[in-house]
C-alpha atoms as a PDB file:
ATOM      1  CA  MET A   1     100.452  89.607  44.085  1.00  0.00           C
ATOM      2  CA  SER A   2      98.443  88.242  41.145  1.00  0.00           C
ATOM      3  CA  VAL A   3      97.928  84.423  40.041  1.00  0.00           C
ATOM      4  CA  VAL A   4      98.971  83.655  37.001  1.00  0.00           C
ATOM      5  CA  PRO A   5      96.123  81.174  35.413  1.00  0.00           C
ATOM      6  CA  ALA A   6      96.809  77.657  34.446  1.00  0.00           C
ATOM      7  CA  ILE A   7      94.792  78.083  31.232  1.00  0.00           C
ATOM      8  CA  LEU A   8      94.835  80.862  29.021  1.00  0.00           C
ATOM      9  CA  LEU A   9      91.544  81.591  26.640  1.00  0.00           C
ATOM     10  CA  ALA A  10      92.003  84.558  24.145  1.00  0.00           C
ATOM     11  CA  VAL A  11      89.643  84.653  20.288  1.00  0.00           C
ATOM     12  CA  ASP A  12      90.612  86.919  17.753  1.00  0.00           C
ATOM     13  CA  ALA A  13      88.066  88.681  14.951  1.00  0.00           C
ATOM     14  CA  ASP A  14      88.726  85.728  12.723  1.00  0.00           C
ATOM     15  CA  GLY A  15      86.938  83.767  15.376  1.00  0.00           C
ATOM     16  CA  ILE A  16      90.113  81.319  16.169  1.00  0.00           C
ATOM     17  CA  ALA A  17      89.890  80.442  20.139  1.00  0.00           C
ATOM     18  CA  THR A  18      93.199  80.210  21.248  1.00  0.00           C
ATOM     19  CA  LEU A  19      93.656  77.698  24.679  1.00  0.00           C
ATOM     20  CA  THR A  20      96.900  77.947  26.125  1.00  0.00           C
ATOM     21  CA  LEU A  21      98.193  75.663  29.188  1.00  0.00           C
ATOM     22  CA  ASN A  22     100.404  78.457  30.862  1.00  0.00           C
ATOM     23  CA  ARG A  23     102.290  76.514  33.618  1.00  0.00           C
ATOM     24  CA  PRO A  24     105.821  76.705  31.653  1.00  0.00           C
ATOM     25  CA  ASP A  25     107.821  76.642  34.489  1.00  0.00           C
ATOM     26  CA  GLN A  26     106.558  72.786  34.831  1.00  0.00           C
ATOM     27  CA  LEU A  27     106.705  72.071  31.372  1.00  0.00           C
ATOM     28  CA  ASN A  28     103.076  71.822  31.399  1.00  0.00           C
ATOM     29  CA  ALA A  29     102.067  69.622  33.307  1.00  0.00           C
ATOM     30  CA  PHE A  30      98.858  69.200  34.669  1.00  0.00           C
ATOM     31  CA  ASP A  31      97.693  69.852  38.387  1.00  0.00           C
ATOM     32  CA  LEU A  32      93.728  68.958  39.300  1.00  0.00           C
ATOM     33  CA  GLU A  33      93.136  73.022  38.661  1.00  0.00           C
ATOM     34  CA  MET A  34      94.994  72.894  35.843  1.00  0.00           C
ATOM     35  CA  VAL A  35      92.513  69.550  34.123  1.00  0.00           C
ATOM     36  CA  ASP A  36      89.255  71.601  35.581  1.00  0.00           C
ATOM     37  CA  ALA A  37      90.606  74.902  34.139  1.00  0.00           C
ATOM     38  CA  TRP A  38      91.189  73.256  31.089  1.00  0.00           C
ATOM     39  CA  ARG A  39      87.702  71.535  30.658  1.00  0.00           C
ATOM     40  CA  ALA A  40      86.071  74.791  31.784  1.00  0.00           C
ATOM     41  CA  ALA A  41      88.345  76.864  28.852  1.00  0.00           C
ATOM     42  CA  LEU A  42      87.027  74.410  26.261  1.00  0.00           C
ATOM     43  CA  GLU A  43      83.510  74.869  27.227  1.00  0.00           C
ATOM     44  CA  GLN A  44      83.627  78.088  27.175  1.00  0.00           C
ATOM     45  CA  ALA A  45      84.988  78.293  23.481  1.00  0.00           C
ATOM     46  CA  GLU A  46      82.089  76.006  22.867  1.00  0.00           C
ATOM     47  CA  ALA A  47      79.811  78.384  23.807  1.00  0.00           C
ATOM     48  CA  ASP A  48      80.675  81.438  22.451  1.00  0.00           C
ATOM     49  CA  GLU A  49      79.263  81.831  19.218  1.00  0.00           C
ATOM     50  CA  ARG A  50      81.989  83.898  18.245  1.00  0.00           C
ATOM     51  CA  VAL A  51      83.964  80.758  17.954  1.00  0.00           C
ATOM     52  CA  LYS A  52      84.706  78.846  14.966  1.00  0.00           C
ATOM     53  CA  VAL A  53      87.664  76.710  15.441  1.00  0.00           C
ATOM     54  CA  ILE A  54      89.614  76.148  18.581  1.00  0.00           C
ATOM     55  CA  VAL A  55      93.716  75.874  18.710  1.00  0.00           C
ATOM     56  CA  VAL A  56      95.228  73.888  21.944  1.00  0.00           C
ATOM     57  CA  THR A  57      99.470  74.780  22.415  1.00  0.00           C
ATOM     58  CA  GLY A  58     101.886  75.225  25.361  1.00  0.00           C
ATOM     59  CA  ALA A  59     103.647  77.959  26.895  1.00  0.00           C
ATOM     60  CA  GLY A  60     107.048  77.821  27.154  1.00  0.00           C
ATOM     61  CA  ARG A  61     108.989  74.990  25.167  1.00  0.00           C
ATOM     62  CA  ALA A  62     106.855  72.189  25.977  1.00  0.00           C
ATOM     63  CA  PHE A  63     102.953  71.060  24.742  1.00  0.00           C
ATOM     64  CA  CYS A  64     102.540  69.102  28.075  1.00  0.00           C
ATOM     65  CA  ALA A  65     104.773  66.973  30.085  1.00  0.00           C
ATOM     66  CA  GLY A  66     101.799  65.282  31.643  1.00  0.00           C
ATOM     67  CA  GLY A  67     100.440  64.859  35.023  1.00  0.00           C
ATOM     68  CA  ASP A  68     102.629  66.768  37.661  1.00  0.00           C
ATOM     69  CA  PHE A  69     104.113  64.701  39.773  1.00  0.00           C
ATOM     70  CA  GLU A  70     103.160  66.517  43.026  1.00  0.00           C
ATOM     71  CA  GLU A  71     100.055  66.181  41.989  1.00  0.00           C
ATOM     72  CA  MET A  72     100.749  62.438  41.055  1.00  0.00           C
ATOM     73  CA  ALA A  73     102.248  61.914  44.758  1.00  0.00           C
ATOM     74  CA  LYS A  74      98.651  63.084  46.446  1.00  0.00           C
ATOM     75  CA  PHE A  75      96.933  60.679  43.783  1.00  0.00           C
ATOM     76  CA  SER A  76      99.091  57.641  45.388  1.00  0.00           C
ATOM     77  CA  GLU A  77      97.870  58.377  48.332  1.00  0.00           C
ATOM     78  CA  MET A  78      94.391  57.756  47.713  1.00  0.00           C
ATOM     79  CA  ASP A  79      92.753  54.292  47.874  1.00  0.00           C
ATOM     80  CA  SER A  80      91.652  53.132  44.832  1.00  0.00           C
ATOM     81  CA  MET A  81      87.931  54.222  44.596  1.00  0.00           C
ATOM     82  CA  GLY A  82      89.197  57.489  45.183  1.00  0.00           C
ATOM     83  CA  ARG A  83      91.538  57.383  41.943  1.00  0.00           C
ATOM     84  CA  LYS A  84      88.763  56.032  40.048  1.00  0.00           C
ATOM     85  CA  ASP A  85      86.743  59.110  41.236  1.00  0.00           C
ATOM     86  CA  PHE A  86      89.311  61.695  40.536  1.00  0.00           C
ATOM     87  CA  LEU A  87      90.043  60.359  36.778  1.00  0.00           C
ATOM     88  CA  TYR A  88      85.958  60.429  36.174  1.00  0.00           C
ATOM     89  CA  ARG A  89      85.391  63.640  37.945  1.00  0.00           C
ATOM     90  CA  HIS A  90      88.359  65.979  36.470  1.00  0.00           C
ATOM     91  CA  VAL A  91      90.798  63.888  33.666  1.00  0.00           C
ATOM     92  CA  HIS A  92      87.758  62.183  31.873  1.00  0.00           C
ATOM     93  CA  ARG A  93      85.930  65.212  31.846  1.00  0.00           C
ATOM     94  CA  ILE A  94      88.356  67.048  29.069  1.00  0.00           C
ATOM     95  CA  ALA A  95      87.854  63.550  26.992  1.00  0.00           C
ATOM     96  CA  LEU A  96      84.230  63.690  26.837  1.00  0.00           C
ATOM     97  CA  THR A  97      83.780  67.485  25.966  1.00  0.00           C
ATOM     98  CA  LEU A  98      86.344  67.063  23.365  1.00  0.00           C
ATOM     99  CA  GLU A  99      83.829  64.281  21.885  1.00  0.00           C
ATOM    100  CA  ARG A 100      80.560  66.139  22.111  1.00  0.00           C
ATOM    101  CA  MET A 101      82.751  69.570  20.815  1.00  0.00           C
ATOM    102  CA  GLU A 102      81.148  70.810  17.706  1.00  0.00           C
ATOM    103  CA  LYS A 103      83.407  72.963  16.354  1.00  0.00           C
ATOM    104  CA  PRO A 104      87.236  71.456  15.293  1.00  0.00           C
ATOM    105  CA  VAL A 105      90.211  71.444  17.769  1.00  0.00           C
ATOM    106  CA  ILE A 106      93.699  72.026  16.724  1.00  0.00           C
ATOM    107  CA  ALA A 107      96.525  71.029  18.657  1.00  0.00           C
ATOM    108  CA  ALA A 108      99.933  73.049  17.801  1.00  0.00           C
ATOM    109  CA  VAL A 109     102.551  70.569  19.571  1.00  0.00           C
ATOM    110  CA  ASN A 110     105.303  72.857  20.405  1.00  0.00           C
ATOM    111  CA  GLY A 111     107.251  70.612  22.372  1.00  0.00           C
ATOM    112  CA  ALA A 112     107.052  67.544  24.562  1.00  0.00           C
ATOM    113  CA  ALA A 113     104.135  65.925  24.741  1.00  0.00           C
ATOM    114  CA  ARG A 114     104.316  63.426  26.967  1.00  0.00           C
ATOM    115  CA  GLY A 115     102.227  60.856  29.089  1.00  0.00           C
ATOM    116  CA  ALA A 116      98.853  62.034  29.154  1.00  0.00           C
ATOM    117  CA  GLY A 117      99.645  65.593  27.522  1.00  0.00           C
ATOM    118  CA  CYS A 118     100.492  63.226  24.282  1.00  0.00           C
ATOM    119  CA  ASP A 119      97.128  61.946  25.196  1.00  0.00           C
ATOM    120  CA  MET A 120      95.894  65.591  25.242  1.00  0.00           C
ATOM    121  CA  ALA A 121      96.775  66.157  21.792  1.00  0.00           C
ATOM    122  CA  LEU A 122      95.684  62.875  20.577  1.00  0.00           C
ATOM    123  CA  MET A 123      92.057  63.740  21.291  1.00  0.00           C
ATOM    124  CA  CYS A 124      92.309  66.815  19.161  1.00  0.00           C
ATOM    125  CA  ASP A 125      90.653  66.615  15.862  1.00  0.00           C
ATOM    126  CA  ILE A 126      94.018  67.668  13.688  1.00  0.00           C
ATOM    127  CA  ARG A 127      97.827  67.877  15.102  1.00  0.00           C
ATOM    128  CA  LEU A 128     100.512  70.032  13.633  1.00  0.00           C
ATOM    129  CA  MET A 129     103.945  69.572  14.856  1.00  0.00           C
ATOM    130  CA  ALA A 130     106.717  71.858  15.362  1.00  0.00           C
ATOM    131  CA  SER A 131     109.730  69.669  13.908  1.00  0.00           C
ATOM    132  CA  SER A 132     111.729  69.757  16.950  1.00  0.00           C
ATOM    133  CA  ALA A 133     108.847  68.405  19.238  1.00  0.00           C
ATOM    134  CA  THR A 134     108.228  64.608  20.851  1.00  0.00           C
ATOM    135  CA  LEU A 135     105.547  62.533  21.323  1.00  0.00           C
ATOM    136  CA  ALA A 136     105.709  59.701  24.189  1.00  0.00           C
ATOM    137  CA  GLU A 137     103.353  57.609  25.313  1.00  0.00           C
ATOM    138  CA  SER A 138     105.390  57.551  28.704  1.00  0.00           C
ATOM    139  CA  TYR A 139     103.063  55.841  31.344  1.00  0.00           C
ATOM    140  CA  ILE A 140     104.733  51.977  31.217  1.00  0.00           C
ATOM    141  CA  ASN A 141     107.898  54.048  32.747  1.00  0.00           C
ATOM    142  CA  ILE A 142     106.340  54.443  36.135  1.00  0.00           C
ATOM    143  CA  GLY A 143     104.517  51.060  35.743  1.00  0.00           C
ATOM    144  CA  LEU A 144     101.004  53.154  34.535  1.00  0.00           C
ATOM    145  CA  MET A 145      98.836  53.067  31.808  1.00  0.00           C
ATOM    146  CA  ALA A 146      97.003  55.151  29.869  1.00  0.00           C
ATOM    147  CA  GLY A 147      93.776  56.651  32.304  1.00  0.00           C
ATOM    148  CA  ASP A 148      92.581  58.787  30.082  1.00  0.00           C
ATOM    149  CA  ALA A 149      91.863  57.612  26.480  1.00  0.00           C
ATOM    150  CA  GLY A 150      94.672  57.357  25.322  1.00  0.00           C
ATOM    151  CA  ALA A 151      94.345  53.239  23.964  1.00  0.00           C
ATOM    152  CA  TRP A 152      91.505  54.481  22.600  1.00  0.00           C
ATOM    153  CA  TYR A 153      92.762  57.453  20.571  1.00  0.00           C
ATOM    154  CA  LEU A 154      95.968  56.193  19.199  1.00  0.00           C
ATOM    155  CA  PRO A 155      95.490  52.948  18.085  1.00  0.00           C
ATOM    156  CA  ARG A 156      92.397  54.341  15.960  1.00  0.00           C
ATOM    157  CA  LEU A 157      95.198  56.651  14.239  1.00  0.00           C
ATOM    158  CA  ILE A 158      98.340  54.450  13.696  1.00  0.00           C
ATOM    159  CA  GLY A 159      96.489  50.565  14.134  1.00  0.00           C
ATOM    160  CA  THR A 160      96.795  48.729  16.757  1.00  0.00           C
ATOM    161  CA  ALA A 161     100.194  46.768  16.563  1.00  0.00           C
ATOM    162  CA  ARG A 162     102.062  50.249  16.662  1.00  0.00           C
ATOM    163  CA  ALA A 163      99.952  51.710  19.457  1.00  0.00           C
ATOM    164  CA  LEU A 164     100.431  48.666  21.719  1.00  0.00           C
ATOM    165  CA  GLU A 165     104.311  48.761  20.672  1.00  0.00           C
ATOM    166  CA  LEU A 166     104.266  53.234  21.467  1.00  0.00           C
ATOM    167  CA  PHE A 167     102.668  51.887  24.850  1.00  0.00           C
ATOM    168  CA  TRP A 168     105.172  48.702  25.953  1.00  0.00           C
ATOM    169  CA  THR A 169     108.400  50.484  24.886  1.00  0.00           C
ATOM    170  CA  GLY A 170     107.208  54.352  26.266  1.00  0.00           C
ATOM    171  CA  ARG A 171     110.214  55.068  23.553  1.00  0.00           C
ATOM    172  CA  VAL A 172     110.422  58.992  22.560  1.00  0.00           C
ATOM    173  CA  VAL A 173     108.455  59.554  18.466  1.00  0.00           C
ATOM    174  CA  GLY A 174     110.421  62.569  16.925  1.00  0.00           C
ATOM    175  CA  ALA A 175     108.105  64.524  14.596  1.00  0.00           C
ATOM    176  CA  GLU A 176     109.062  62.419  11.343  1.00  0.00           C
ATOM    177  CA  GLU A 177     107.936  59.286  12.915  1.00  0.00           C
ATOM    178  CA  ALA A 178     104.882  60.698  13.985  1.00  0.00           C
ATOM    179  CA  ASP A 179     103.938  61.869  11.129  1.00  0.00           C
ATOM    180  CA  ARG A 180     105.103  59.067   8.844  1.00  0.00           C
ATOM    181  CA  ILE A 181     102.651  56.468  11.216  1.00  0.00           C
ATOM    182  CA  GLY A 182      99.779  59.491  11.782  1.00  0.00           C
ATOM    183  CA  MET A 183     100.084  60.402  14.792  1.00  0.00           C
ATOM    184  CA  VAL A 184      99.984  64.097  13.317  1.00  0.00           C
ATOM    185  CA  ASN A 185      99.073  65.791  10.078  1.00  0.00           C
ATOM    186  CA  ARG A 186     101.904  67.674   9.317  1.00  0.00           C
ATOM    187  CA  VAL A 187     105.060  68.605  10.547  1.00  0.00           C
ATOM    188  CA  VAL A 188     106.470  72.256  10.289  1.00  0.00           C
ATOM    189  CA  PRO A 189     109.813  74.197  11.098  1.00  0.00           C
ATOM    190  CA  ASP A 190     109.586  75.457  14.597  1.00  0.00           C
ATOM    191  CA  ALA A 191     109.313  79.019  14.026  1.00  0.00           C
ATOM    192  CA  GLU A 192     106.510  78.198  11.439  1.00  0.00           C
ATOM    193  CA  LEU A 193     104.256  76.294  13.534  1.00  0.00           C
ATOM    194  CA  MET A 194     101.845  78.707  14.557  1.00  0.00           C
ATOM    195  CA  THR A 195     101.731  80.281  11.066  1.00  0.00           C
ATOM    196  CA  ALA A 196     100.920  77.033   9.927  1.00  0.00           C
ATOM    197  CA  THR A 197      98.490  76.302  12.681  1.00  0.00           C
ATOM    198  CA  TYR A 198      96.250  79.464  12.365  1.00  0.00           C
ATOM    199  CA  ASP A 199      96.667  79.310   8.501  1.00  0.00           C
ATOM    200  CA  MET A 200      94.902  76.074   8.949  1.00  0.00           C
ATOM    201  CA  ALA A 201      92.571  77.672  11.597  1.00  0.00           C
ATOM    202  CA  ARG A 202      91.160  80.294   9.442  1.00  0.00           C
ATOM    203  CA  THR A 203      90.650  78.297   6.147  1.00  0.00           C
ATOM    204  CA  ILE A 204      88.358  75.846   8.337  1.00  0.00           C
ATOM    205  CA  ALA A 205      86.911  79.187  10.299  1.00  0.00           C
ATOM    206  CA  ALA A 206      86.487  80.737   6.521  1.00  0.00           C
ATOM    207  CA  LYS A 207      84.145  77.148   5.277  1.00  0.00           C
ATOM    208  CA  PRO A 208      80.375  77.132   6.014  1.00  0.00           C
ATOM    209  CA  GLN A 209      80.100  76.265   9.469  1.00  0.00           C
ATOM    210  CA  GLN A 210      77.071  74.149   9.390  1.00  0.00           C
ATOM    211  CA  ALA A 211      79.168  71.892   6.863  1.00  0.00           C
ATOM    212  CA  VAL A 212      81.955  71.918   9.544  1.00  0.00           C
ATOM    213  CA  ARG A 213      80.179  70.376  12.047  1.00  0.00           C
ATOM    214  CA  PHE A 214      77.868  68.019  10.676  1.00  0.00           C
ATOM    215  CA  PHE A 215      81.326  66.415   8.412  1.00  0.00           C
ATOM    216  CA  ARG A 216      82.693  66.294  12.341  1.00  0.00           C
ATOM    217  CA  ARG A 217      79.980  64.709  13.467  1.00  0.00           C
ATOM    218  CA  ALA A 218      79.675  61.849  10.668  1.00  0.00           C
ATOM    219  CA  VAL A 219      83.079  61.124  10.889  1.00  0.00           C
ATOM    220  CA  TYR A 220      83.081  60.377  14.717  1.00  0.00           C
ATOM    221  CA  GLN A 221      80.000  58.710  15.204  1.00  0.00           C
ATOM    222  CA  SER A 222      80.386  56.483  11.682  1.00  0.00           C
ATOM    223  CA  GLN A 223      83.104  54.954  13.817  1.00  0.00           C
ATOM    224  CA  THR A 224      80.482  52.929  15.731  1.00  0.00           C
ATOM    225  CA  MET A 225      77.734  52.754  13.333  1.00  0.00           C
ATOM    226  CA  ALA A 226      76.344  49.963  10.282  1.00  0.00           C
ATOM    227  CA  LEU A 227      77.191  51.537   7.294  1.00  0.00           C
ATOM    228  CA  ALA A 228      73.174  51.713   6.639  1.00  0.00           C
ATOM    229  CA  THR A 229      72.933  53.585   9.788  1.00  0.00           C
ATOM    230  CA  HIS A 230      75.422  56.106   9.015  1.00  0.00           C
ATOM    231  CA  LEU A 231      74.094  56.906   5.144  1.00  0.00           C
ATOM    232  CA  ASP A 232      70.420  57.121   7.094  1.00  0.00           C
ATOM    233  CA  MET A 233      72.559  59.674   9.163  1.00  0.00           C
ATOM    234  CA  VAL A 234      74.300  61.814   6.600  1.00  0.00           C
ATOM    235  CA  SER A 235      71.110  61.382   4.696  1.00  0.00           C
ATOM    236  CA  SER A 236      69.419  63.992   6.863  1.00  0.00           C
ATOM    237  CA  HIS A 237      72.432  66.681   7.509  1.00  0.00           C
ATOM    238  CA  MET A 238      72.788  66.567   3.820  1.00  0.00           C
ATOM    239  CA  ALA A 239      68.921  67.572   3.576  1.00  0.00           C
ATOM    240  CA  VAL A 240      69.153  70.106   6.478  1.00  0.00           C
ATOM    241  CA  LEU A 241      72.576  71.112   5.134  1.00  0.00           C
ATOM    242  CA  GLU A 242      70.600  72.203   1.288  1.00  0.00           C
ATOM    243  CA  ASP A 243      68.484  74.250   2.913  1.00  0.00           C
ATOM    244  CA  THR A 244      71.159  76.601   4.559  1.00  0.00           C
ATOM    245  CA  PRO A 245      72.234  79.809   3.654  1.00  0.00           C
ATOM    246  CA  GLU A 246      75.506  79.289   2.510  1.00  0.00           C
ATOM    247  CA  HIS A 247      74.981  76.474   0.548  1.00  0.00           C
ATOM    248  CA  ARG A 248      72.427  78.163  -1.603  1.00  0.00           C
ATOM    249  CA  ALA A 249      75.128  81.147  -1.553  1.00  0.00           C
ATOM    250  CA  GLY A 250      77.510  78.700  -2.926  1.00  0.00           C
ATOM    251  CA  ILE A 251      75.158  76.939  -5.621  1.00  0.00           C
ATOM    252  CA  ALA A 252      74.317  80.740  -7.332  1.00  0.00           C
ATOM    253  CA  ALA A 253      77.884  81.741  -7.006  1.00  0.00           C
ATOM    254  CA  PHE A 254      78.573  78.329  -9.037  1.00  0.00           C
ATOM    255  CA  ARG A 255      76.220  78.795 -11.093  1.00  0.00           C
ATOM    256  CA  THR A 256      77.248  82.515 -12.098  1.00  0.00           C
ATOM    257  CA  ARG A 257      80.700  81.312 -12.966  1.00  0.00           C
ATOM    258  CA  SER A 258      79.961  78.730 -15.154  1.00  0.00           C
ATOM    259  CA  ARG A 259      77.641  80.930 -16.909  1.00  0.00           C
ATOM    260  CA  ALA A 260      80.339  83.875 -17.156  1.00  0.00           C
ATOM    261  CA  SER A 261      83.018  80.813 -18.552  1.00  0.00           C
ATOM    262  CA  LYS A 262      80.907  79.507 -21.074  1.00  0.00           C
END
């Protein structure tokens, strides 16, 4: 009997890697196996020279329902140090892998994203959301808090007051509100979600890749930098990019078009 993998990873001819959370009968709620497979798939896509952009989505009707309740029951049986160690050695590795990732990561939120599932979408660089999908920071409903960096990501996206409201109430956020308050980049009809996601992924994949990666570094690193430090860093990035074949080809093409228009 074949074992169905908890994570599917496929790479297409355009350099788009699709990472699919693949426990649809459990609404893609994650257990330990899935968490470790998720991190391993991200690392594999990062190391694969063919991959330019990574898309994360869920199989079936949910993106990710958060932690599997059977797994959470085991979690509650541990002592406090065991629980902390579990988060550090497994769940936190996804956030830290995404932090050091150089390639863009797009979440295609195809259905419900709850608790840690919501946070996993927030960890991605860009989020596209199906119009029927929902998000919720639902930890408070079971007397918990976000243990996976949700309290780090969400305030940076929507501001402190809105983030605290969602953490303290645990209420469900629909697609229209998520778009309005900045939790997602774009909302599209359900049937168009993956088409819109891959269109965006291919647009990014077609751009000069070293510049794409330097932009990612500059945006995230600037969040903890003084202005002078940021300017020093980006001046180095600019100097390096001006030596790349993509930059030189772009300048040559611009000059050719400019001369032709005169």
